[in-house]
């Protein structure tokens, strides 16, 4: 080998050693560069760690405030916003709530770690959220009848389908007669019965001249008022310009209740100025690029040691693997959430 070739190889090896921080005799400059890099990575990781803590803190606050009540699922919250308090039924003119509730089912499954989107290639062409298939992640039952029914459909379906396709299948809005058996029937009635069991609604019969209909008026007005206040506060007093810092359940409530055409029920009691401000901020959320927001989650996960990253031994901190798995689960659930949102605002 020529002297020039040996010199090049020597320079390349030295460069790699300096880049990886494995020099046998590091200089002060190397230490300073390594320290700055570590601080930068740590700051990125803290963004996602902070988001997890915010989610956990809000969950703890909700549990403390509602210690005697059962937590409502996202589907139940959206339905409760759409129900008329005294009449006990949703508007007859609302043709959006059916698909909106099916979107809530997918998000809830994503948050519970039951489903995820197929991996998007790093070296090959990256797929968009709406092009990626819904994959089964954990086939264990959730204990919720509606969620478990949807989970069984996803488990039994080969090849896998996209988020938008599953919303169509679960709501029965498909033109393919062979897929009609995927429809989850009487979702509103079943969710209302869940709310009756939780003491939020009651069951009555109303006569509409030509037919009788089972209705579910609100009996626990406090629960509904807390839900309305949560939606209002998210757009007003607790508003943040960084959507990544918003609690993902609150964000999902805003976006899916809007998709189901029931968010107006929560914002209507506001004064004119607050209403205009809330609607302006809601428009900001609807104008977000879902692909970009999902990508930010992935980037923060990678900077935090996830997605093909480091082991506990390499990170040198006990319990870091558990934290990394929580981050990865949060990212997977976040991707499902953004895919569902994209399906409604595309």
C-alpha atoms as a PDB file:
ATOM      1  CA  UNK A   1       0.000   0.000   0.000  1.00  0.00           C
ATOM      2  CA  UNK A   2       1.284   3.472  -0.847  1.00  0.00           C
ATOM      3  CA  UNK A   3       2.396   5.939   1.795  1.00  0.00           C
ATOM      4  CA  UNK A   4      -0.431   8.271   0.755  1.00  0.00           C
ATOM      5  CA  UNK A   5      -2.994   5.506   1.268  1.00  0.00           C
ATOM      6  CA  UNK A   6      -1.626   4.682   4.722  1.00  0.00           C
ATOM      7  CA  UNK A   7      -1.747   8.347   5.639  1.00  0.00           C
ATOM      8  CA  UNK A   8      -5.364   8.625   4.549  1.00  0.00           C
ATOM      9  CA  UNK A   9      -6.318   5.531   6.538  1.00  0.00           C
ATOM     10  CA  UNK A  10      -4.510   6.903   9.575  1.00  0.00           C
ATOM     11  CA  UNK A  11      -6.294  10.232   9.300  1.00  0.00           C
ATOM     12  CA  UNK A  12      -9.669   8.514   8.881  1.00  0.00           C
ATOM     13  CA  UNK A  13      -9.088   6.307  11.921  1.00  0.00           C
ATOM     14  CA  UNK A  14      -8.079   9.286  14.005  1.00  0.00           C
ATOM     15  CA  UNK A  15     -11.150  11.192  12.866  1.00  0.00           C
ATOM     16  CA  UNK A  16     -13.420   8.299  13.777  1.00  0.00           C
ATOM     17  CA  UNK A  17     -11.796   7.979  17.171  1.00  0.00           C
ATOM     18  CA  UNK A  18     -12.279  11.648  17.900  1.00  0.00           C
ATOM     19  CA  UNK A  19     -15.878  11.565  16.694  1.00  0.00           C
ATOM     20  CA  UNK A  20     -16.763   8.589  18.877  1.00  0.00           C
ATOM     21  CA  UNK A  21     -14.913  10.003  21.877  1.00  0.00           C
ATOM     22  CA  UNK A  22     -12.670   6.937  22.278  1.00  0.00           C
ATOM     23  CA  UNK A  23      -9.248   8.568  22.018  1.00  0.00           C
ATOM     24  CA  UNK A  24      -6.775   7.072  24.425  1.00  0.00           C
ATOM     25  CA  UNK A  25      -5.641  10.552  25.364  1.00  0.00           C
ATOM     26  CA  UNK A  26      -8.501  13.021  24.817  1.00  0.00           C
ATOM     27  CA  UNK A  27      -7.679  16.703  24.782  1.00  0.00           C
ATOM     28  CA  UNK A  28      -9.512  19.458  26.643  1.00  0.00           C
ATOM     29  CA  UNK A  29     -11.080  20.484  23.325  1.00  0.00           C
ATOM     30  CA  UNK A  30     -12.433  16.955  22.824  1.00  0.00           C
ATOM     31  CA  UNK A  31     -13.911  16.950  26.286  1.00  0.00           C
ATOM     32  CA  UNK A  32     -15.568  20.318  25.674  1.00  0.00           C
ATOM     33  CA  UNK A  33     -17.067  19.167  22.359  1.00  0.00           C
ATOM     34  CA  UNK A  34     -18.323  15.952  23.958  1.00  0.00           C
ATOM     35  CA  UNK A  35     -19.830  17.866  26.834  1.00  0.00           C
ATOM     36  CA  UNK A  36     -21.690  20.234  24.494  1.00  0.00           C
ATOM     37  CA  UNK A  37     -22.983  17.312  22.437  1.00  0.00           C
ATOM     38  CA  UNK A  38     -24.194  15.516  25.565  1.00  0.00           C
ATOM     39  CA  UNK A  39     -25.967  18.652  26.774  1.00  0.00           C
ATOM     40  CA  UNK A  40     -27.654  19.063  23.399  1.00  0.00           C
ATOM     41  CA  UNK A  41     -28.856  15.440  23.309  1.00  0.00           C
ATOM     42  CA  UNK A  42     -30.006  15.686  26.906  1.00  0.00           C
ATOM     43  CA  UNK A  43     -32.045  18.810  26.169  1.00  0.00           C
ATOM     44  CA  UNK A  44     -33.770  17.040  23.273  1.00  0.00           C
ATOM     45  CA  UNK A  45     -34.493  14.029  25.425  1.00  0.00           C
ATOM     46  CA  UNK A  46     -35.905  16.239  28.164  1.00  0.00           C
ATOM     47  CA  UNK A  47     -38.533  17.537  25.720  1.00  0.00           C
ATOM     48  CA  UNK A  48     -40.097  14.098  25.466  1.00  0.00           C
ATOM     49  CA  UNK A  49     -39.446  13.265  29.112  1.00  0.00           C
ATOM     50  CA  UNK A  50     -41.230  16.495  29.994  1.00  0.00           C
ATOM     51  CA  UNK A  51     -44.176  15.511  27.798  1.00  0.00           C
ATOM     52  CA  UNK A  52     -44.407  12.155  29.579  1.00  0.00           C
ATOM     53  CA  UNK A  53     -44.274  13.826  32.981  1.00  0.00           C
ATOM     54  CA  UNK A  54     -46.945  16.311  31.901  1.00  0.00           C
ATOM     55  CA  UNK A  55     -49.184  13.439  30.794  1.00  0.00           C
ATOM     56  CA  UNK A  56     -48.561  11.576  34.041  1.00  0.00           C
ATOM     57  CA  UNK A  57     -49.120  14.714  36.132  1.00  0.00           C
ATOM     58  CA  UNK A  58     -52.413  15.473  34.419  1.00  0.00           C
ATOM     59  CA  UNK A  59     -53.488  11.869  34.882  1.00  0.00           C
ATOM     60  CA  UNK A  60     -52.623  12.078  38.599  1.00  0.00           C
ATOM     61  CA  UNK A  61     -54.509  15.353  38.919  1.00  0.00           C
ATOM     62  CA  UNK A  62     -57.546  13.820  37.244  1.00  0.00           C
ATOM     63  CA  UNK A  63     -57.412  10.827  39.559  1.00  0.00           C
ATOM     64  CA  UNK A  64     -57.128  13.053  42.624  1.00  0.00           C
ATOM     65  CA  UNK A  65     -59.994  15.281  41.502  1.00  0.00           C
ATOM     66  CA  UNK A  66     -62.214  12.361  40.517  1.00  0.00           C
ATOM     67  CA  UNK A  67     -61.117   9.763  43.041  1.00  0.00           C
ATOM     68  CA  UNK A  68     -64.689   8.492  43.444  1.00  0.00           C
ATOM     69  CA  UNK A  69     -65.341   8.365  39.716  1.00  0.00           C
ATOM     70  CA  UNK A  70     -64.163   6.051  37.008  1.00  0.00           C
ATOM     71  CA  UNK A  71     -62.028   7.502  34.248  1.00  0.00           C
ATOM     72  CA  UNK A  72     -63.947   8.063  31.031  1.00  0.00           C
ATOM     73  CA  UNK A  73     -62.571   6.734  27.767  1.00  0.00           C
ATOM     74  CA  UNK A  74     -62.059   9.076  24.835  1.00  0.00           C
ATOM     75  CA  UNK A  75     -65.165   7.632  23.149  1.00  0.00           C
ATOM     76  CA  UNK A  76     -67.283   8.264  26.239  1.00  0.00           C
ATOM     77  CA  UNK A  77     -66.033  11.846  26.530  1.00  0.00           C
ATOM     78  CA  UNK A  78     -66.886  12.642  22.908  1.00  0.00           C
ATOM     79  CA  UNK A  79     -70.340  11.072  23.248  1.00  0.00           C
ATOM     80  CA  UNK A  80     -70.995  12.939  26.497  1.00  0.00           C
ATOM     81  CA  UNK A  81     -70.197  16.245  24.791  1.00  0.00           C
ATOM     82  CA  UNK A  82     -72.667  15.383  22.037  1.00  0.00           C
ATOM     83  CA  UNK A  83     -75.574  14.342  24.305  1.00  0.00           C
ATOM     84  CA  UNK A  84     -78.316  16.809  25.118  1.00  0.00           C
ATOM     85  CA  UNK A  85     -78.479  17.017  28.905  1.00  0.00           C
ATOM     86  CA  UNK A  86     -82.239  16.710  29.427  1.00  0.00           C
ATOM     87  CA  UNK A  87     -83.267  14.911  26.258  1.00  0.00           C
ATOM     88  CA  UNK A  88     -80.518  12.281  26.526  1.00  0.00           C
ATOM     89  CA  UNK A  89     -79.740  11.811  22.827  1.00  0.00           C
ATOM     90  CA  UNK A  90     -77.480  13.325  20.193  1.00  0.00           C
ATOM     91  CA  UNK A  91     -78.679  15.612  17.427  1.00  0.00           C
ATOM     92  CA  UNK A  92     -80.555  13.805  14.667  1.00  0.00           C
ATOM     93  CA  UNK A  93     -78.717  15.986  12.154  1.00  0.00           C
ATOM     94  CA  UNK A  94     -75.245  14.958  13.276  1.00  0.00           C
ATOM     95  CA  UNK A  95     -73.877  12.545  10.675  1.00  0.00           C
ATOM     96  CA  UNK A  96     -70.247  12.927  11.808  1.00  0.00           C
ATOM     97  CA  UNK A  97     -70.320  11.424  15.282  1.00  0.00           C
ATOM     98  CA  UNK A  98     -70.381   7.826  14.037  1.00  0.00           C
ATOM     99  CA  UNK A  99     -67.027   8.030  12.243  1.00  0.00           C
ATOM    100  CA  UNK A 100     -65.645  10.305  14.977  1.00  0.00           C
ATOM    101  CA  UNK A 101     -66.290   7.664  17.629  1.00  0.00           C
ATOM    102  CA  UNK A 102     -64.547   5.023  15.502  1.00  0.00           C
ATOM    103  CA  UNK A 103     -61.533   7.284  15.287  1.00  0.00           C
ATOM    104  CA  UNK A 104     -61.599   7.542  19.079  1.00  0.00           C
ATOM    105  CA  UNK A 105     -61.517   3.740  19.295  1.00  0.00           C
ATOM    106  CA  UNK A 106     -58.295   3.580  17.271  1.00  0.00           C
ATOM    107  CA  UNK A 107     -56.654   6.340  19.315  1.00  0.00           C
ATOM    108  CA  UNK A 108     -57.649   4.668  22.575  1.00  0.00           C
ATOM    109  CA  UNK A 109     -56.132   1.380  21.369  1.00  0.00           C
ATOM    110  CA  UNK A 110     -52.961   3.249  20.412  1.00  0.00           C
ATOM    111  CA  UNK A 111     -52.707   4.943  23.807  1.00  0.00           C
ATOM    112  CA  UNK A 112     -53.132   1.578  25.530  1.00  0.00           C
ATOM    113  CA  UNK A 113     -50.275   0.076  23.519  1.00  0.00           C
ATOM    114  CA  UNK A 114     -52.458  -2.370  21.609  1.00  0.00           C
ATOM    115  CA  UNK A 115     -51.823  -1.148  18.061  1.00  0.00           C
ATOM    116  CA  UNK A 116     -49.167   0.833  16.217  1.00  0.00           C
ATOM    117  CA  UNK A 117     -48.386   1.954  12.686  1.00  0.00           C
ATOM    118  CA  UNK A 118     -46.072  -0.112  10.538  1.00  0.00           C
ATOM    119  CA  UNK A 119     -42.475   1.021  10.632  1.00  0.00           C
ATOM    120  CA  UNK A 120     -41.544   3.679   8.121  1.00  0.00           C
ATOM    121  CA  UNK A 121     -38.240   2.992   6.363  1.00  0.00           C
ATOM    122  CA  UNK A 122     -35.212   5.111   7.193  1.00  0.00           C
ATOM    123  CA  UNK A 123     -33.227   4.188   4.080  1.00  0.00           C
ATOM    124  CA  UNK A 124     -36.151   3.556   1.739  1.00  0.00           C
ATOM    125  CA  UNK A 125     -38.840   6.067   0.800  1.00  0.00           C
ATOM    126  CA  UNK A 126     -40.668   7.221   3.926  1.00  0.00           C
ATOM    127  CA  UNK A 127     -44.386   6.441   3.984  1.00  0.00           C
ATOM    128  CA  UNK A 128     -46.953   8.999   5.045  1.00  0.00           C
ATOM    129  CA  UNK A 129     -49.178   8.450   8.064  1.00  0.00           C
ATOM    130  CA  UNK A 130     -52.215   7.642   5.952  1.00  0.00           C
ATOM    131  CA  UNK A 131     -50.256   5.110   3.879  1.00  0.00           C
ATOM    132  CA  UNK A 132     -48.940   3.103   6.809  1.00  0.00           C
ATOM    133  CA  UNK A 133     -50.825   0.003   7.923  1.00  0.00           C
ATOM    134  CA  UNK A 134     -52.247  -0.518  11.415  1.00  0.00           C
ATOM    135  CA  UNK A 135     -50.299  -3.315  13.116  1.00  0.00           C
ATOM    136  CA  UNK A 136     -51.242  -5.392  16.143  1.00  0.00           C
ATOM    137  CA  UNK A 137     -48.801  -4.685  18.970  1.00  0.00           C
ATOM    138  CA  UNK A 138     -50.396  -6.449  21.944  1.00  0.00           C
ATOM    139  CA  UNK A 139     -53.318  -8.843  21.536  1.00  0.00           C
ATOM    140  CA  UNK A 140     -54.184  -8.849  25.236  1.00  0.00           C
ATOM    141  CA  UNK A 141     -57.738  -7.770  25.960  1.00  0.00           C
ATOM    142  CA  UNK A 142     -58.396  -4.312  27.411  1.00  0.00           C
ATOM    143  CA  UNK A 143     -61.503  -5.161  29.432  1.00  0.00           C
ATOM    144  CA  UNK A 144     -63.581  -2.726  27.367  1.00  0.00           C
ATOM    145  CA  UNK A 145     -66.052  -4.607  25.151  1.00  0.00           C
ATOM    146  CA  UNK A 146     -65.956  -2.118  22.271  1.00  0.00           C
ATOM    147  CA  UNK A 147     -62.165  -1.815  22.263  1.00  0.00           C
ATOM    148  CA  UNK A 148     -61.759  -5.590  22.437  1.00  0.00           C
ATOM    149  CA  UNK A 149     -64.138  -6.093  19.507  1.00  0.00           C
ATOM    150  CA  UNK A 150     -62.131  -3.654  17.384  1.00  0.00           C
ATOM    151  CA  UNK A 151     -58.890  -5.294  18.501  1.00  0.00           C
ATOM    152  CA  UNK A 152     -60.141  -8.726  17.377  1.00  0.00           C
ATOM    153  CA  UNK A 153     -61.006  -7.355  13.940  1.00  0.00           C
ATOM    154  CA  UNK A 154     -57.538  -5.844  13.570  1.00  0.00           C
ATOM    155  CA  UNK A 155     -55.908  -9.059  14.740  1.00  0.00           C
ATOM    156  CA  UNK A 156     -57.854 -11.237  12.269  1.00  0.00           C
ATOM    157  CA  UNK A 157     -57.337  -9.006   9.224  1.00  0.00           C
ATOM    158  CA  UNK A 158     -54.619  -9.940   6.738  1.00  0.00           C
ATOM    159  CA  UNK A 159     -53.236  -8.044   4.946  1.00  0.00           C
ATOM    160  CA  UNK A 160     -53.312  -5.106   7.324  1.00  0.00           C
ATOM    161  CA  UNK A 161     -55.267  -1.934   6.534  1.00  0.00           C
ATOM    162  CA  UNK A 162     -54.647   1.787   7.001  1.00  0.00           C
ATOM    163  CA  UNK A 163     -56.168   4.035   9.669  1.00  0.00           C
ATOM    164  CA  UNK A 164     -58.605   5.659   7.225  1.00  0.00           C
ATOM    165  CA  UNK A 165     -59.762   2.244   5.986  1.00  0.00           C
ATOM    166  CA  UNK A 166     -60.338   1.014   9.537  1.00  0.00           C
ATOM    167  CA  UNK A 167     -62.471   4.056  10.328  1.00  0.00           C
ATOM    168  CA  UNK A 168     -64.625   3.158   7.325  1.00  0.00           C
ATOM    169  CA  UNK A 169     -64.801  -0.526   8.245  1.00  0.00           C
ATOM    170  CA  UNK A 170     -65.655   0.028  11.913  1.00  0.00           C
ATOM    171  CA  UNK A 171     -68.377   2.557  11.055  1.00  0.00           C
ATOM    172  CA  UNK A 172     -69.843   0.413   8.246  1.00  0.00           C
ATOM    173  CA  UNK A 173     -69.221   3.130   5.663  1.00  0.00           C
ATOM    174  CA  UNK A 174     -67.488   0.866   3.145  1.00  0.00           C
ATOM    175  CA  UNK A 175     -68.686  -0.052  -0.318  1.00  0.00           C
ATOM    176  CA  UNK A 176     -67.179  -3.515  -0.004  1.00  0.00           C
ATOM    177  CA  UNK A 177     -69.966  -5.900   1.140  1.00  0.00           C
ATOM    178  CA  UNK A 178     -67.348  -8.448   2.243  1.00  0.00           C
ATOM    179  CA  UNK A 179     -66.094  -5.988   4.870  1.00  0.00           C
ATOM    180  CA  UNK A 180     -69.442  -5.085   6.440  1.00  0.00           C
ATOM    181  CA  UNK A 181     -68.940  -7.635   9.215  1.00  0.00           C
ATOM    182  CA  UNK A 182     -66.203  -5.351  10.613  1.00  0.00           C
ATOM    183  CA  UNK A 183     -68.808  -2.756  11.587  1.00  0.00           C
ATOM    184  CA  UNK A 184     -69.118  -2.222  15.340  1.00  0.00           C
ATOM    185  CA  UNK A 185     -72.833  -1.780  15.862  1.00  0.00           C
ATOM    186  CA  UNK A 186     -74.782   0.327  18.370  1.00  0.00           C
ATOM    187  CA  UNK A 187     -71.654   2.106  19.594  1.00  0.00           C
ATOM    188  CA  UNK A 188     -73.546   5.105  20.951  1.00  0.00           C
ATOM    189  CA  UNK A 189     -76.015   2.951  22.862  1.00  0.00           C
ATOM    190  CA  UNK A 190     -73.254   0.778  24.319  1.00  0.00           C
ATOM    191  CA  UNK A 191     -71.182   3.798  25.331  1.00  0.00           C
ATOM    192  CA  UNK A 192     -74.265   5.372  26.922  1.00  0.00           C
ATOM    193  CA  UNK A 193     -74.811   2.198  28.970  1.00  0.00           C
ATOM    194  CA  UNK A 194     -71.187   2.416  30.127  1.00  0.00           C
ATOM    195  CA  UNK A 195     -71.862   5.977  31.279  1.00  0.00           C
ATOM    196  CA  UNK A 196     -75.008   4.794  33.054  1.00  0.00           C
ATOM    197  CA  UNK A 197     -72.914   2.229  34.943  1.00  0.00           C
ATOM    198  CA  UNK A 198     -70.470   4.991  35.879  1.00  0.00           C
ATOM    199  CA  UNK A 199     -73.293   7.115  37.264  1.00  0.00           C
ATOM    200  CA  UNK A 200     -73.038   9.888  34.665  1.00  0.00           C
ATOM    201  CA  UNK A 201     -76.249   9.111  32.754  1.00  0.00           C
ATOM    202  CA  UNK A 202     -79.575   7.439  33.474  1.00  0.00           C
ATOM    203  CA  UNK A 203     -81.972   5.493  31.243  1.00  0.00           C
ATOM    204  CA  UNK A 204     -85.440   6.628  30.244  1.00  0.00           C
ATOM    205  CA  UNK A 205     -88.025   5.960  27.550  1.00  0.00           C
ATOM    206  CA  UNK A 206     -89.374   8.772  25.385  1.00  0.00           C
ATOM    207  CA  UNK A 207     -92.325   8.581  23.043  1.00  0.00           C
ATOM    208  CA  UNK A 208     -91.900  10.154  19.610  1.00  0.00           C
ATOM    209  CA  UNK A 209     -95.508   9.571  18.445  1.00  0.00           C
ATOM    210  CA  UNK A 210     -94.722   6.759  16.016  1.00  0.00           C
ATOM    211  CA  UNK A 211     -92.043   5.034  18.059  1.00  0.00           C
ATOM    212  CA  UNK A 212     -90.491   4.826  21.518  1.00  0.00           C
ATOM    213  CA  UNK A 213     -86.804   5.506  21.971  1.00  0.00           C
ATOM    214  CA  UNK A 214     -84.446   4.756  24.835  1.00  0.00           C
ATOM    215  CA  UNK A 215     -82.715   7.945  25.971  1.00  0.00           C
ATOM    216  CA  UNK A 216     -79.944   8.665  28.445  1.00  0.00           C
ATOM    217  CA  UNK A 217     -80.280  12.079  30.160  1.00  0.00           C
ATOM    218  CA  UNK A 218     -77.360  13.431  32.167  1.00  0.00           C
ATOM    219  CA  UNK A 219     -77.731  12.954  35.933  1.00  0.00           C
ATOM    220  CA  UNK A 220     -74.182  13.837  36.982  1.00  0.00           C
ATOM    221  CA  UNK A 221     -73.953  17.354  35.580  1.00  0.00           C
ATOM    222  CA  UNK A 222     -70.690  17.883  37.462  1.00  0.00           C
ATOM    223  CA  UNK A 223     -68.871  15.311  35.318  1.00  0.00           C
ATOM    224  CA  UNK A 224     -70.062  16.940  32.123  1.00  0.00           C
ATOM    225  CA  UNK A 225     -69.171  20.423  33.347  1.00  0.00           C
ATOM    226  CA  UNK A 226     -65.651  19.238  34.193  1.00  0.00           C
ATOM    227  CA  UNK A 227     -65.365  17.810  30.686  1.00  0.00           C
ATOM    228  CA  UNK A 228     -66.579  21.064  29.128  1.00  0.00           C
ATOM    229  CA  UNK A 229     -64.172  23.068  31.285  1.00  0.00           C
ATOM    230  CA  UNK A 230     -61.291  20.811  30.266  1.00  0.00           C
ATOM    231  CA  UNK A 231     -61.993  21.487  26.594  1.00  0.00           C
ATOM    232  CA  UNK A 232     -62.391  25.230  27.178  1.00  0.00           C
ATOM    233  CA  UNK A 233     -59.251  25.541  29.329  1.00  0.00           C
ATOM    234  CA  UNK A 234     -57.164  23.689  26.739  1.00  0.00           C
ATOM    235  CA  UNK A 235     -57.945  26.442  24.232  1.00  0.00           C
ATOM    236  CA  UNK A 236     -57.847  29.359  26.691  1.00  0.00           C
ATOM    237  CA  UNK A 237     -56.161  29.432  30.109  1.00  0.00           C
ATOM    238  CA  UNK A 238     -53.988  26.338  29.563  1.00  0.00           C
ATOM    239  CA  UNK A 239     -53.168  27.002  25.926  1.00  0.00           C
ATOM    240  CA  UNK A 240     -49.608  26.313  24.791  1.00  0.00           C
ATOM    241  CA  UNK A 241     -48.129  27.327  21.463  1.00  0.00           C
ATOM    242  CA  UNK A 242     -46.141  24.088  21.371  1.00  0.00           C
ATOM    243  CA  UNK A 243     -48.550  21.266  20.560  1.00  0.00           C
ATOM    244  CA  UNK A 244     -45.946  18.713  21.631  1.00  0.00           C
ATOM    245  CA  UNK A 245     -46.393  19.958  25.208  1.00  0.00           C
ATOM    246  CA  UNK A 246     -50.156  19.445  25.179  1.00  0.00           C
ATOM    247  CA  UNK A 247     -51.524  16.418  26.970  1.00  0.00           C
ATOM    248  CA  UNK A 248     -52.263  13.934  24.200  1.00  0.00           C
ATOM    249  CA  UNK A 249     -55.666  12.944  25.602  1.00  0.00           C
ATOM    250  CA  UNK A 250     -56.772  16.559  25.773  1.00  0.00           C
ATOM    251  CA  UNK A 251     -55.479  17.171  22.252  1.00  0.00           C
ATOM    252  CA  UNK A 252     -57.335  14.077  21.021  1.00  0.00           C
ATOM    253  CA  UNK A 253     -60.510  15.253  22.756  1.00  0.00           C
ATOM    254  CA  UNK A 254     -60.344  18.602  20.975  1.00  0.00           C
ATOM    255  CA  UNK A 255     -59.594  17.194  17.537  1.00  0.00           C
ATOM    256  CA  UNK A 256     -61.974  14.221  17.609  1.00  0.00           C
ATOM    257  CA  UNK A 257     -64.873  16.094  19.211  1.00  0.00           C
ATOM    258  CA  UNK A 258     -64.453  18.653  16.447  1.00  0.00           C
ATOM    259  CA  UNK A 259     -64.407  15.856  13.852  1.00  0.00           C
ATOM    260  CA  UNK A 260     -67.561  14.436  15.460  1.00  0.00           C
ATOM    261  CA  UNK A 261     -69.170  17.908  15.314  1.00  0.00           C
ATOM    262  CA  UNK A 262     -69.784  18.104  19.080  1.00  0.00           C
ATOM    263  CA  UNK A 263     -67.036  20.484  20.239  1.00  0.00           C
ATOM    264  CA  UNK A 264     -69.337  23.420  19.584  1.00  0.00           C
ATOM    265  CA  UNK A 265     -71.447  22.238  22.540  1.00  0.00           C
ATOM    266  CA  UNK A 266     -68.483  22.857  24.844  1.00  0.00           C
ATOM    267  CA  UNK A 267     -67.532  26.242  23.369  1.00  0.00           C
ATOM    268  CA  UNK A 268     -71.026  27.700  22.932  1.00  0.00           C
ATOM    269  CA  UNK A 269     -71.337  28.896  26.600  1.00  0.00           C
ATOM    270  CA  UNK A 270     -68.216  31.100  26.231  1.00  0.00           C
ATOM    271  CA  UNK A 271     -68.435  34.856  25.874  1.00  0.00           C
ATOM    272  CA  UNK A 272     -67.876  36.372  22.455  1.00  0.00           C
ATOM    273  CA  UNK A 273     -64.214  37.273  22.984  1.00  0.00           C
ATOM    274  CA  UNK A 274     -63.292  33.926  24.532  1.00  0.00           C
ATOM    275  CA  UNK A 275     -65.231  32.074  21.859  1.00  0.00           C
ATOM    276  CA  UNK A 276     -63.416  33.893  19.056  1.00  0.00           C
ATOM    277  CA  UNK A 277     -60.051  33.224  20.711  1.00  0.00           C
ATOM    278  CA  UNK A 278     -60.871  29.543  21.235  1.00  0.00           C
ATOM    279  CA  UNK A 279     -61.977  29.124  17.632  1.00  0.00           C
ATOM    280  CA  UNK A 280     -58.851  30.874  16.372  1.00  0.00           C
ATOM    281  CA  UNK A 281     -56.644  28.524  18.374  1.00  0.00           C
ATOM    282  CA  UNK A 282     -58.667  25.517  17.271  1.00  0.00           C
ATOM    283  CA  UNK A 283     -58.037  26.585  13.692  1.00  0.00           C
ATOM    284  CA  UNK A 284     -54.316  26.646  14.460  1.00  0.00           C
ATOM    285  CA  UNK A 285     -54.560  23.030  15.589  1.00  0.00           C
ATOM    286  CA  UNK A 286     -56.521  22.034  12.493  1.00  0.00           C
ATOM    287  CA  UNK A 287     -53.922  23.698  10.267  1.00  0.00           C
ATOM    288  CA  UNK A 288     -51.056  21.681  11.755  1.00  0.00           C
ATOM    289  CA  UNK A 289     -49.057  19.375   9.512  1.00  0.00           C
ATOM    290  CA  UNK A 290     -49.733  15.945  11.057  1.00  0.00           C
ATOM    291  CA  UNK A 291     -46.791  14.372   9.232  1.00  0.00           C
ATOM    292  CA  UNK A 292     -44.453  16.996  10.649  1.00  0.00           C
ATOM    293  CA  UNK A 293     -45.795  16.605  14.186  1.00  0.00           C
ATOM    294  CA  UNK A 294     -45.416  12.821  14.072  1.00  0.00           C
ATOM    295  CA  UNK A 295     -41.883  13.205  12.753  1.00  0.00           C
ATOM    296  CA  UNK A 296     -41.008  15.467  15.668  1.00  0.00           C
ATOM    297  CA  UNK A 297     -42.089  12.689  18.026  1.00  0.00           C
ATOM    298  CA  UNK A 298     -39.790  10.227  16.255  1.00  0.00           C
ATOM    299  CA  UNK A 299     -36.851  12.632  16.331  1.00  0.00           C
ATOM    300  CA  UNK A 300     -37.288  13.261  20.056  1.00  0.00           C
ATOM    301  CA  UNK A 301     -37.516   9.527  20.631  1.00  0.00           C
ATOM    302  CA  UNK A 302     -34.256   8.931  18.769  1.00  0.00           C
ATOM    303  CA  UNK A 303     -32.477  11.709  20.655  1.00  0.00           C
ATOM    304  CA  UNK A 304     -33.768  10.164  23.867  1.00  0.00           C
ATOM    305  CA  UNK A 305     -32.199   6.783  23.155  1.00  0.00           C
ATOM    306  CA  UNK A 306     -35.142   5.039  21.524  1.00  0.00           C
ATOM    307  CA  UNK A 307     -35.699   3.629  18.065  1.00  0.00           C
ATOM    308  CA  UNK A 308     -32.773   1.362  17.600  1.00  0.00           C
ATOM    309  CA  UNK A 309     -30.806   3.103  20.243  1.00  0.00           C
ATOM    310  CA  UNK A 310     -28.695   2.253  23.187  1.00  0.00           C
ATOM    311  CA  UNK A 311     -28.826  -0.358  25.901  1.00  0.00           C
ATOM    312  CA  UNK A 312     -29.016   0.272  29.615  1.00  0.00           C
ATOM    313  CA  UNK A 313     -25.328  -0.560  29.965  1.00  0.00           C
ATOM    314  CA  UNK A 314     -24.352   1.959  27.299  1.00  0.00           C
ATOM    315  CA  UNK A 315     -26.489   4.624  28.900  1.00  0.00           C
ATOM    316  CA  UNK A 316     -25.013   3.797  32.279  1.00  0.00           C
ATOM    317  CA  UNK A 317     -28.196   4.478  34.214  1.00  0.00           C
ATOM    318  CA  UNK A 318     -30.314   1.894  35.983  1.00  0.00           C
ATOM    319  CA  UNK A 319     -33.938   1.860  34.904  1.00  0.00           C
ATOM    320  CA  UNK A 320     -33.223   3.781  31.732  1.00  0.00           C
ATOM    321  CA  UNK A 321     -34.505   0.867  29.647  1.00  0.00           C
ATOM    322  CA  UNK A 322     -37.896   1.181  31.310  1.00  0.00           C
ATOM    323  CA  UNK A 323     -37.971   4.904  30.604  1.00  0.00           C
ATOM    324  CA  UNK A 324     -36.966   4.286  26.981  1.00  0.00           C
ATOM    325  CA  UNK A 325     -39.740   1.731  26.548  1.00  0.00           C
ATOM    326  CA  UNK A 326     -42.245   4.240  27.932  1.00  0.00           C
ATOM    327  CA  UNK A 327     -40.991   6.828  25.470  1.00  0.00           C
ATOM    328  CA  UNK A 328     -41.248   4.349  22.587  1.00  0.00           C
ATOM    329  CA  UNK A 329     -44.805   3.425  23.637  1.00  0.00           C
ATOM    330  CA  UNK A 330     -45.749   7.092  23.839  1.00  0.00           C
ATOM    331  CA  UNK A 331     -44.335   7.712  20.354  1.00  0.00           C
ATOM    332  CA  UNK A 332     -46.216   4.713  18.923  1.00  0.00           C
ATOM    333  CA  UNK A 333     -49.473   5.934  20.463  1.00  0.00           C
ATOM    334  CA  UNK A 334     -48.745   9.462  19.260  1.00  0.00           C
ATOM    335  CA  UNK A 335     -48.271   8.264  15.695  1.00  0.00           C
ATOM    336  CA  UNK A 336     -51.642   6.504  15.758  1.00  0.00           C
ATOM    337  CA  UNK A 337     -53.217   9.687  17.158  1.00  0.00           C
ATOM    338  CA  UNK A 338     -51.755  11.894  14.429  1.00  0.00           C
ATOM    339  CA  UNK A 339     -52.750   9.380  11.737  1.00  0.00           C
ATOM    340  CA  UNK A 340     -56.371   9.429  12.934  1.00  0.00           C
ATOM    341  CA  UNK A 341     -56.360  13.235  13.107  1.00  0.00           C
ATOM    342  CA  UNK A 342     -54.893  13.385   9.587  1.00  0.00           C
ATOM    343  CA  UNK A 343     -57.687  11.096   8.332  1.00  0.00           C
ATOM    344  CA  UNK A 344     -60.288  13.636   9.467  1.00  0.00           C
ATOM    345  CA  UNK A 345     -58.587  16.875   8.431  1.00  0.00           C
ATOM    346  CA  UNK A 346     -57.056  15.715   5.134  1.00  0.00           C
END
